[in-house]
Every structure is written in C-alpha cells, then in structure tokens.
Amino acid sequence: STFGVASVVGITMICYLIGLIVKAIPLDDKWIPCVVGICGGVLGVVGFKIGMPDFPAADMITAIAVGIASGLAATGADQLVKQLKV
C-alpha cells in the first residue's frame, strides 16, 4: 500500500489557502491553526467518503487524523516560509 502523498498535499494546500483567507479577515492569528486543523479534519472526512484514490486512511478516525495533520502542516509550511525570509 502506498501513502497517498497527492491527496495529503491537496488537503494541505487547500488548508493553506484557508489560512491565508483567515489571516486577511479581522480574526486574531492565534486562531489560524485551529481553523486549518478543523478544515483539514473535514476535508479528510470528505476525501475518505468520496473515495479519493490512494487516500491514506482505511477508517473514519484515521481520515480525520490525516486531515488534521495535513491542515496543521499548512501552518508549519507558512511558518517555514516566514523563517526563511530574511
């Protein structure tokens, strides 16, 4: 069984975009990880339910966990980009 990298990256990129949108509205930045984590969890469930090819989850709990981790990875990617800018 292969790890569904494309589906995880897809969820991460969607969550990254959601994080940018949240950043553009008047909401404290401390809420961004929560928002993208929840959105990632929802997208994980959607990916599981629609049967995304190579989705790395065989049950709902794992699908939620994969989605949350993907969403939080979006926050990490944003922080990495910020740290690399000098």
C-alpha atoms as a PDB file:
ATOM      1  CA  SER A   1       0.000   0.000   0.000  1.00  0.00           C
ATOM      2  CA  THR A   2       1.361   3.411  -0.949  1.00  0.00           C
ATOM      3  CA  PHE A   3       0.992   6.535   1.122  1.00  0.00           C
ATOM      4  CA  GLY A   4      -1.345   8.955  -0.698  1.00  0.00           C
ATOM      5  CA  VAL A   5       1.028  11.890  -0.975  1.00  0.00           C
ATOM      6  CA  ALA A   6      -1.047  13.708  -3.602  1.00  0.00           C
ATOM      7  CA  SER A   7      -4.215  13.648  -1.512  1.00  0.00           C
ATOM      8  CA  VAL A   8      -2.361  14.816   1.610  1.00  0.00           C
ATOM      9  CA  VAL A   9      -0.652  17.626  -0.309  1.00  0.00           C
ATOM     10  CA  GLY A  10      -4.026  18.592  -1.778  1.00  0.00           C
ATOM     11  CA  ILE A  11      -5.590  18.907   1.667  1.00  0.00           C
ATOM     12  CA  THR A  12      -2.553  20.836   2.913  1.00  0.00           C
ATOM     13  CA  MET A  13      -2.719  23.328   0.044  1.00  0.00           C
ATOM     14  CA  ILE A  14      -6.462  23.895   0.482  1.00  0.00           C
ATOM     15  CA  CYS A  15      -5.898  24.475   4.201  1.00  0.00           C
ATOM     16  CA  TYR A  16      -3.004  26.837   3.438  1.00  0.00           C
ATOM     17  CA  LEU A  17      -5.343  28.905   1.265  1.00  0.00           C
ATOM     18  CA  ILE A  18      -7.980  28.879   4.017  1.00  0.00           C
ATOM     19  CA  GLY A  19      -5.300  30.079   6.440  1.00  0.00           C
ATOM     20  CA  LEU A  20      -4.443  32.977   4.127  1.00  0.00           C
ATOM     21  CA  ILE A  21      -8.115  33.901   3.908  1.00  0.00           C
ATOM     22  CA  VAL A  22      -8.476  33.811   7.702  1.00  0.00           C
ATOM     23  CA  LYS A  23      -5.366  35.968   8.001  1.00  0.00           C
ATOM     24  CA  ALA A  24      -6.974  38.559   5.711  1.00  0.00           C
ATOM     25  CA  ILE A  25     -10.057  38.927   7.922  1.00  0.00           C
ATOM     26  CA  PRO A  26     -10.093  40.626  11.320  1.00  0.00           C
ATOM     27  CA  LEU A  27      -9.507  37.491  13.382  1.00  0.00           C
ATOM     28  CA  ASP A  28      -6.575  37.039  15.739  1.00  0.00           C
ATOM     29  CA  ASP A  29      -3.788  34.982  14.130  1.00  0.00           C
ATOM     30  CA  LYS A  30      -3.761  32.626  17.130  1.00  0.00           C
ATOM     31  CA  TRP A  31      -6.943  31.034  15.698  1.00  0.00           C
ATOM     32  CA  ILE A  32      -5.428  30.115  12.342  1.00  0.00           C
ATOM     33  CA  PRO A  33      -4.040  26.713  13.465  1.00  0.00           C
ATOM     34  CA  CYS A  34      -7.439  25.795  14.924  1.00  0.00           C
ATOM     35  CA  VAL A  35      -9.276  26.836  11.770  1.00  0.00           C
ATOM     36  CA  VAL A  36      -6.945  24.990   9.384  1.00  0.00           C
ATOM     37  CA  GLY A  37      -6.864  21.933  11.661  1.00  0.00           C
ATOM     38  CA  ILE A  38     -10.659  21.734  11.712  1.00  0.00           C
ATOM     39  CA  CYS A  39     -10.877  22.365   7.962  1.00  0.00           C
ATOM     40  CA  GLY A  40      -8.277  19.666   7.405  1.00  0.00           C
ATOM     41  CA  GLY A  41     -10.293  17.228   9.509  1.00  0.00           C
ATOM     42  CA  VAL A  42     -13.416  17.991   7.497  1.00  0.00           C
ATOM     43  CA  LEU A  43     -11.511  17.601   4.222  1.00  0.00           C
ATOM     44  CA  GLY A  44     -10.108  14.303   5.491  1.00  0.00           C
ATOM     45  CA  VAL A  45     -13.646  13.024   6.044  1.00  0.00           C
ATOM     46  CA  VAL A  46     -14.695  14.279   2.599  1.00  0.00           C
ATOM     47  CA  GLY A  47     -11.677  12.604   0.994  1.00  0.00           C
ATOM     48  CA  PHE A  48     -12.489   9.350   2.756  1.00  0.00           C
ATOM     49  CA  LYS A  49     -16.192   9.481   1.891  1.00  0.00           C
ATOM     50  CA  ILE A  50     -15.717  10.271  -1.808  1.00  0.00           C
ATOM     51  CA  GLY A  51     -13.041   7.608  -2.105  1.00  0.00           C
ATOM     52  CA  MET A  52     -10.043   9.701  -3.136  1.00  0.00           C
ATOM     53  CA  PRO A  53      -7.524   7.483  -4.921  1.00  0.00           C
ATOM     54  CA  ASP A  54      -4.638   6.466  -2.631  1.00  0.00           C
ATOM     55  CA  PHE A  55      -6.144   8.267   0.368  1.00  0.00           C
ATOM     56  CA  PRO A  56      -4.053   7.040   3.316  1.00  0.00           C
ATOM     57  CA  ALA A  57      -6.914   6.074   5.634  1.00  0.00           C
ATOM     58  CA  ALA A  58      -8.969   2.906   5.978  1.00  0.00           C
ATOM     59  CA  ASP A  59     -11.347   4.237   8.650  1.00  0.00           C
ATOM     60  CA  MET A  60     -13.012   7.489   9.660  1.00  0.00           C
ATOM     61  CA  ILE A  61     -10.815   8.230  12.702  1.00  0.00           C
ATOM     62  CA  THR A  62      -7.650   7.868  10.641  1.00  0.00           C
ATOM     63  CA  ALA A  63      -9.172  10.020   7.891  1.00  0.00           C
ATOM     64  CA  ILE A  64      -9.877  12.767  10.431  1.00  0.00           C
ATOM     65  CA  ALA A  65      -6.355  12.485  11.867  1.00  0.00           C
ATOM     66  CA  VAL A  66      -4.766  12.608   8.386  1.00  0.00           C
ATOM     67  CA  GLY A  67      -6.855  15.679   7.585  1.00  0.00           C
ATOM     68  CA  ILE A  68      -5.978  17.463  10.825  1.00  0.00           C
ATOM     69  CA  ALA A  69      -2.274  16.704  10.373  1.00  0.00           C
ATOM     70  CA  SER A  70      -2.468  17.974   6.787  1.00  0.00           C
ATOM     71  CA  GLY A  71      -4.206  21.153   7.926  1.00  0.00           C
ATOM     72  CA  LEU A  72      -1.649  21.799  10.653  1.00  0.00           C
ATOM     73  CA  ALA A  73       1.129  21.132   8.137  1.00  0.00           C
ATOM     74  CA  ALA A  74      -0.175  24.173   6.262  1.00  0.00           C
ATOM     75  CA  THR A  75       0.536  26.299   9.337  1.00  0.00           C
ATOM     76  CA  GLY A  76       4.007  24.774   9.593  1.00  0.00           C
ATOM     77  CA  ALA A  77       4.687  25.469   5.924  1.00  0.00           C
ATOM     78  CA  ASP A  78       3.652  29.101   6.419  1.00  0.00           C
ATOM     79  CA  GLN A  79       5.980  29.450   9.398  1.00  0.00           C
ATOM     80  CA  LEU A  80       8.834  27.830   7.468  1.00  0.00           C
ATOM     81  CA  VAL A  81       8.434  30.352   4.642  1.00  0.00           C
ATOM     82  CA  LYS A  82       8.413  33.210   7.184  1.00  0.00           C
ATOM     83  CA  GLN A  83      11.569  31.925   8.898  1.00  0.00           C
ATOM     84  CA  LEU A  84      13.447  31.536   5.611  1.00  0.00           C
ATOM     85  CA  LYS A  85      12.762  35.142   4.610  1.00  0.00           C
ATOM     86  CA  VAL A  86      15.458  37.459   5.870  1.00  0.00           C
END
